[in-house]
């Protein structure tokens, strides 16, 4: 099978084959990057028995693949004034950057994570219709 050089690719009808080829190459590169990241995370987890390191590797990999600016892994704990999440690991920033944030509580916004029925992902949390509905 011969592969044409980009200079050999011409337009066919309304389709710019060179542009289409570049698009497909970019998509393939993105998939290869995801695969490489998953392989790196899998190797890190499989070769360690340190829970902190395993969670950090998985969190860093998930953040990298999703393109998120930050990722956080919390654990659920019961306190006298109700259920809350405690930060276990953070990716994309130092824990000190979030040290003064209020604790995450079981609000309408974070309910799916507390109930283990879903995750919360957002480009702008303030635009989420569930945001600000609790005191």
C-alpha atoms as a PDB file:
ATOM      1  CA  UNK A   1       0.000   0.000   0.000  1.00  0.00           C
ATOM      2  CA  UNK A   2       1.396   3.383  -0.972  1.00  0.00           C
ATOM      3  CA  UNK A   3       0.731   6.500   1.058  1.00  0.00           C
ATOM      4  CA  UNK A   4       0.581   9.749  -0.863  1.00  0.00           C
ATOM      5  CA  UNK A   5       2.579  12.724   0.270  1.00  0.00           C
ATOM      6  CA  UNK A   6       0.468  15.703   1.299  1.00  0.00           C
ATOM      7  CA  UNK A   7       1.653  17.551  -1.813  1.00  0.00           C
ATOM      8  CA  UNK A   8       0.162  14.735  -3.917  1.00  0.00           C
ATOM      9  CA  UNK A   9      -3.290  15.091  -2.323  1.00  0.00           C
ATOM     10  CA  UNK A  10      -5.716  17.211  -4.289  1.00  0.00           C
ATOM     11  CA  UNK A  11      -9.200  18.538  -3.862  1.00  0.00           C
ATOM     12  CA  UNK A  12     -11.984  16.234  -4.971  1.00  0.00           C
ATOM     13  CA  UNK A  13     -15.224  18.087  -5.468  1.00  0.00           C
ATOM     14  CA  UNK A  14     -15.790  20.264  -2.423  1.00  0.00           C
ATOM     15  CA  UNK A  15     -13.531  18.136  -0.201  1.00  0.00           C
ATOM     16  CA  UNK A  16     -10.012  19.364   0.563  1.00  0.00           C
ATOM     17  CA  UNK A  17      -8.304  16.012   0.986  1.00  0.00           C
ATOM     18  CA  UNK A  18      -5.163  17.611   2.423  1.00  0.00           C
ATOM     19  CA  UNK A  19      -7.181  19.277   5.180  1.00  0.00           C
ATOM     20  CA  UNK A  20      -9.075  16.040   5.817  1.00  0.00           C
ATOM     21  CA  UNK A  21      -5.779  14.138   6.039  1.00  0.00           C
ATOM     22  CA  UNK A  22      -4.397  16.663   8.576  1.00  0.00           C
ATOM     23  CA  UNK A  23      -7.604  16.373  10.621  1.00  0.00           C
ATOM     24  CA  UNK A  24      -7.392  12.578  10.689  1.00  0.00           C
ATOM     25  CA  UNK A  25      -3.705  12.672  11.597  1.00  0.00           C
ATOM     26  CA  UNK A  26      -4.463  15.022  14.503  1.00  0.00           C
ATOM     27  CA  UNK A  27      -7.255  12.757  15.723  1.00  0.00           C
ATOM     28  CA  UNK A  28      -4.979   9.719  15.492  1.00  0.00           C
ATOM     29  CA  UNK A  29      -2.233  11.543  17.417  1.00  0.00           C
ATOM     30  CA  UNK A  30      -4.740  12.423  20.151  1.00  0.00           C
ATOM     31  CA  UNK A  31      -5.832   8.782  20.432  1.00  0.00           C
ATOM     32  CA  UNK A  32      -2.206   7.612  20.574  1.00  0.00           C
ATOM     33  CA  UNK A  33      -1.571  10.159  23.346  1.00  0.00           C
ATOM     34  CA  UNK A  34      -4.571   8.831  25.313  1.00  0.00           C
ATOM     35  CA  UNK A  35      -3.375   5.267  24.859  1.00  0.00           C
ATOM     36  CA  UNK A  36       0.151   6.169  25.968  1.00  0.00           C
ATOM     37  CA  UNK A  37      -1.234   7.973  29.024  1.00  0.00           C
ATOM     38  CA  UNK A  38      -3.413   4.992  29.969  1.00  0.00           C
ATOM     39  CA  UNK A  39      -0.434   2.644  29.564  1.00  0.00           C
ATOM     40  CA  UNK A  40       1.730   4.903  31.771  1.00  0.00           C
ATOM     41  CA  UNK A  41      -0.984   5.105  34.468  1.00  0.00           C
ATOM     42  CA  UNK A  42      -1.620   1.353  34.331  1.00  0.00           C
ATOM     43  CA  UNK A  43       2.084   0.644  34.744  1.00  0.00           C
ATOM     44  CA  UNK A  44       2.379   3.086  37.657  1.00  0.00           C
ATOM     45  CA  UNK A  45      -0.602   1.543  39.452  1.00  0.00           C
ATOM     46  CA  UNK A  46       0.416  -2.052  38.754  1.00  0.00           C
ATOM     47  CA  UNK A  47       3.938  -1.491  40.040  1.00  0.00           C
ATOM     48  CA  UNK A  48       2.975   0.179  43.322  1.00  0.00           C
ATOM     49  CA  UNK A  49       1.235  -0.794  46.516  1.00  0.00           C
ATOM     50  CA  UNK A  50       1.145   2.815  47.766  1.00  0.00           C
ATOM     51  CA  UNK A  51      -2.508   3.940  47.737  1.00  0.00           C
ATOM     52  CA  UNK A  52      -1.585   7.646  47.654  1.00  0.00           C
ATOM     53  CA  UNK A  53       0.686   7.159  44.637  1.00  0.00           C
ATOM     54  CA  UNK A  54      -1.890   5.008  42.807  1.00  0.00           C
ATOM     55  CA  UNK A  55      -4.691   7.532  43.322  1.00  0.00           C
ATOM     56  CA  UNK A  56      -2.403  10.390  42.274  1.00  0.00           C
ATOM     57  CA  UNK A  57      -1.353   8.534  39.099  1.00  0.00           C
ATOM     58  CA  UNK A  58      -4.956   7.786  38.160  1.00  0.00           C
ATOM     59  CA  UNK A  59      -6.054  11.356  38.898  1.00  0.00           C
ATOM     60  CA  UNK A  60      -3.185  12.917  36.934  1.00  0.00           C
ATOM     61  CA  UNK A  61      -3.898  10.621  33.981  1.00  0.00           C
ATOM     62  CA  UNK A  62      -7.623  11.335  34.011  1.00  0.00           C
ATOM     63  CA  UNK A  63      -6.969  15.077  34.123  1.00  0.00           C
ATOM     64  CA  UNK A  64      -4.488  14.819  31.255  1.00  0.00           C
ATOM     65  CA  UNK A  65      -6.817  12.764  29.050  1.00  0.00           C
ATOM     66  CA  UNK A  66      -9.886  14.900  29.753  1.00  0.00           C
ATOM     67  CA  UNK A  67      -8.016  18.176  29.294  1.00  0.00           C
ATOM     68  CA  UNK A  68      -9.267  19.424  32.660  1.00  0.00           C
ATOM     69  CA  UNK A  69      -7.380  22.209  34.402  1.00  0.00           C
ATOM     70  CA  UNK A  70      -7.810  20.514  37.782  1.00  0.00           C
ATOM     71  CA  UNK A  71      -8.818  17.173  39.156  1.00  0.00           C
ATOM     72  CA  UNK A  72      -9.661  16.232  42.712  1.00  0.00           C
ATOM     73  CA  UNK A  73     -10.272  12.991  44.538  1.00  0.00           C
ATOM     74  CA  UNK A  74     -12.301  13.255  47.739  1.00  0.00           C
ATOM     75  CA  UNK A  75     -13.418  10.783  50.325  1.00  0.00           C
ATOM     76  CA  UNK A  76     -16.769  10.928  52.070  1.00  0.00           C
ATOM     77  CA  UNK A  77     -16.928  11.418  55.819  1.00  0.00           C
ATOM     78  CA  UNK A  78     -19.681  11.916  58.331  1.00  0.00           C
ATOM     79  CA  UNK A  79     -19.404  14.862  60.671  1.00  0.00           C
ATOM     80  CA  UNK A  80     -21.754  16.006  63.450  1.00  0.00           C
ATOM     81  CA  UNK A  81     -23.187  18.739  61.183  1.00  0.00           C
ATOM     82  CA  UNK A  82     -23.657  16.468  58.173  1.00  0.00           C
ATOM     83  CA  UNK A  83     -21.907  14.667  55.366  1.00  0.00           C
ATOM     84  CA  UNK A  84     -18.877  16.257  53.722  1.00  0.00           C
ATOM     85  CA  UNK A  85     -16.002  15.414  51.449  1.00  0.00           C
ATOM     86  CA  UNK A  86     -12.387  15.643  52.476  1.00  0.00           C
ATOM     87  CA  UNK A  87      -9.746  16.257  49.825  1.00  0.00           C
ATOM     88  CA  UNK A  88      -7.530  13.216  49.385  1.00  0.00           C
ATOM     89  CA  UNK A  89      -5.515  14.068  46.244  1.00  0.00           C
ATOM     90  CA  UNK A  90      -5.366  17.048  43.879  1.00  0.00           C
ATOM     91  CA  UNK A  91      -4.021  17.332  40.335  1.00  0.00           C
ATOM     92  CA  UNK A  92      -3.133  20.498  38.439  1.00  0.00           C
ATOM     93  CA  UNK A  93      -2.493  22.710  41.469  1.00  0.00           C
ATOM     94  CA  UNK A  94      -0.909  22.572  44.875  1.00  0.00           C
ATOM     95  CA  UNK A  95      -3.187  21.678  47.806  1.00  0.00           C
ATOM     96  CA  UNK A  96      -2.357  25.090  49.284  1.00  0.00           C
ATOM     97  CA  UNK A  97      -4.163  26.750  46.350  1.00  0.00           C
ATOM     98  CA  UNK A  98      -7.430  25.276  47.636  1.00  0.00           C
ATOM     99  CA  UNK A  99      -6.679  25.420  51.369  1.00  0.00           C
ATOM    100  CA  UNK A 100      -9.151  28.262  52.051  1.00  0.00           C
ATOM    101  CA  UNK A 101     -12.029  26.870  50.003  1.00  0.00           C
ATOM    102  CA  UNK A 102     -15.045  25.738  52.020  1.00  0.00           C
ATOM    103  CA  UNK A 103     -15.419  22.018  52.407  1.00  0.00           C
ATOM    104  CA  UNK A 104     -17.466  20.204  49.818  1.00  0.00           C
ATOM    105  CA  UNK A 105     -20.875  19.284  51.228  1.00  0.00           C
ATOM    106  CA  UNK A 106     -23.720  17.177  49.937  1.00  0.00           C
ATOM    107  CA  UNK A 107     -25.489  19.950  48.059  1.00  0.00           C
ATOM    108  CA  UNK A 108     -27.644  19.528  44.977  1.00  0.00           C
ATOM    109  CA  UNK A 109     -24.563  20.183  42.855  1.00  0.00           C
ATOM    110  CA  UNK A 110     -22.355  17.558  44.498  1.00  0.00           C
ATOM    111  CA  UNK A 111     -25.149  15.103  45.363  1.00  0.00           C
ATOM    112  CA  UNK A 112     -24.320  12.708  42.498  1.00  0.00           C
ATOM    113  CA  UNK A 113     -20.772  12.251  43.782  1.00  0.00           C
ATOM    114  CA  UNK A 114     -21.914  11.719  47.374  1.00  0.00           C
ATOM    115  CA  UNK A 115     -24.566   9.245  46.248  1.00  0.00           C
ATOM    116  CA  UNK A 116     -22.092   7.546  43.906  1.00  0.00           C
ATOM    117  CA  UNK A 117     -24.455   8.022  40.952  1.00  0.00           C
ATOM    118  CA  UNK A 118     -22.270  10.325  38.842  1.00  0.00           C
ATOM    119  CA  UNK A 119     -19.413  12.770  38.604  1.00  0.00           C
ATOM    120  CA  UNK A 120     -19.406  16.544  38.437  1.00  0.00           C
ATOM    121  CA  UNK A 121     -17.588  17.977  35.406  1.00  0.00           C
ATOM    122  CA  UNK A 122     -17.897  21.595  34.426  1.00  0.00           C
ATOM    123  CA  UNK A 123     -16.221  24.240  32.290  1.00  0.00           C
ATOM    124  CA  UNK A 124     -17.722  26.905  34.567  1.00  0.00           C
ATOM    125  CA  UNK A 125     -19.361  25.612  37.732  1.00  0.00           C
ATOM    126  CA  UNK A 126     -21.208  28.898  38.233  1.00  0.00           C
ATOM    127  CA  UNK A 127     -23.184  28.216  35.028  1.00  0.00           C
ATOM    128  CA  UNK A 128     -24.417  24.842  36.259  1.00  0.00           C
ATOM    129  CA  UNK A 129     -28.196  25.083  36.991  1.00  0.00           C
ATOM    130  CA  UNK A 130     -27.593  23.310  40.334  1.00  0.00           C
ATOM    131  CA  UNK A 131     -25.034  25.931  41.432  1.00  0.00           C
ATOM    132  CA  UNK A 132     -26.078  28.214  44.288  1.00  0.00           C
ATOM    133  CA  UNK A 133     -29.275  26.349  45.158  1.00  0.00           C
ATOM    134  CA  UNK A 134     -28.132  25.580  48.716  1.00  0.00           C
ATOM    135  CA  UNK A 135     -27.223  27.938  51.515  1.00  0.00           C
END
